[in-house]
Amino acid sequence: MIYLVTGGSGSGKSNYAEQLLLTLGEGQRIYIATMLAGNDPENLRRIEKHRQRRASMGFETIECPLGLRNIEIPEDSIVLLECMSNLVANEVFMEDGAGIHTVNEILAGLDLLFERARHCIVVTNEIFSDGIRYDNTTSIYMQFLGALNQEIARVADQVTEVVYGIPVHFKQEETMEDRALQEQNLSPTEVDDTLSYEEMFSFRNIFIRDKGPIE
């Protein structure tokens, strides 16, 4: 199954994604880290602390700041990729990144990841609600990230936004309990009747695979 987990900074999405992975059964747990460590001692210390914590939960960490299609994961593994916003930024702004081909390059890597993993959780960031007008380069980065978020959401079995530590499900695989309730003509406890999935993730003026450039 494919899971997309999003949320703002400090929302608790990382902790939710890690705890979600622990519920997905036994198997080889792979953490794909996309953030560049850099040379800052405090940053390096924090990254090492997180790596040790994940190791105590049975995670194997793979560093992947660029070139997602080039990593190899064991078949039938359980994967957590964190996070999409860092990966997009690296591909867009780094000299050896994919540049204008970022969306297609990352989608190709995700296709391979989804094909081999038994379960894959992708963590991304909600950065589109501040109402600030950015420069052209940053706007292109945001459009690339938005395009990828929408495409992942389209193919995901579950889409969850974490708000103040509370998971809000916008798209969720139908469970046996849900089907039983439908047969009894009852509604599940959690129902979002404000927007349909198609309305929530409509595609307009974005770059997806070979449909053309952003306008």
Foldseek 3Di string as FASTA:
>chain_A
DEEEEEEAPPLCRVVVVLVVLLPPDDFQEEEEEQADQPDDPVSVVVVVVVCVVVVVVRYDYDYDVAQLLPDDDAAQHAYEYPAPLSNLCCQCPPPPHVHQCSLVRVVNSVVVVVVRYPYYYYYYYDDPPPPDDDDPSVVLSVLSSLQNSLVSVVPGQWYWYRGNNRTDTLHHHDDPVQVVCVVVVHHDPDDDPPDHPCRVRPDDQGDHNPPDGRD
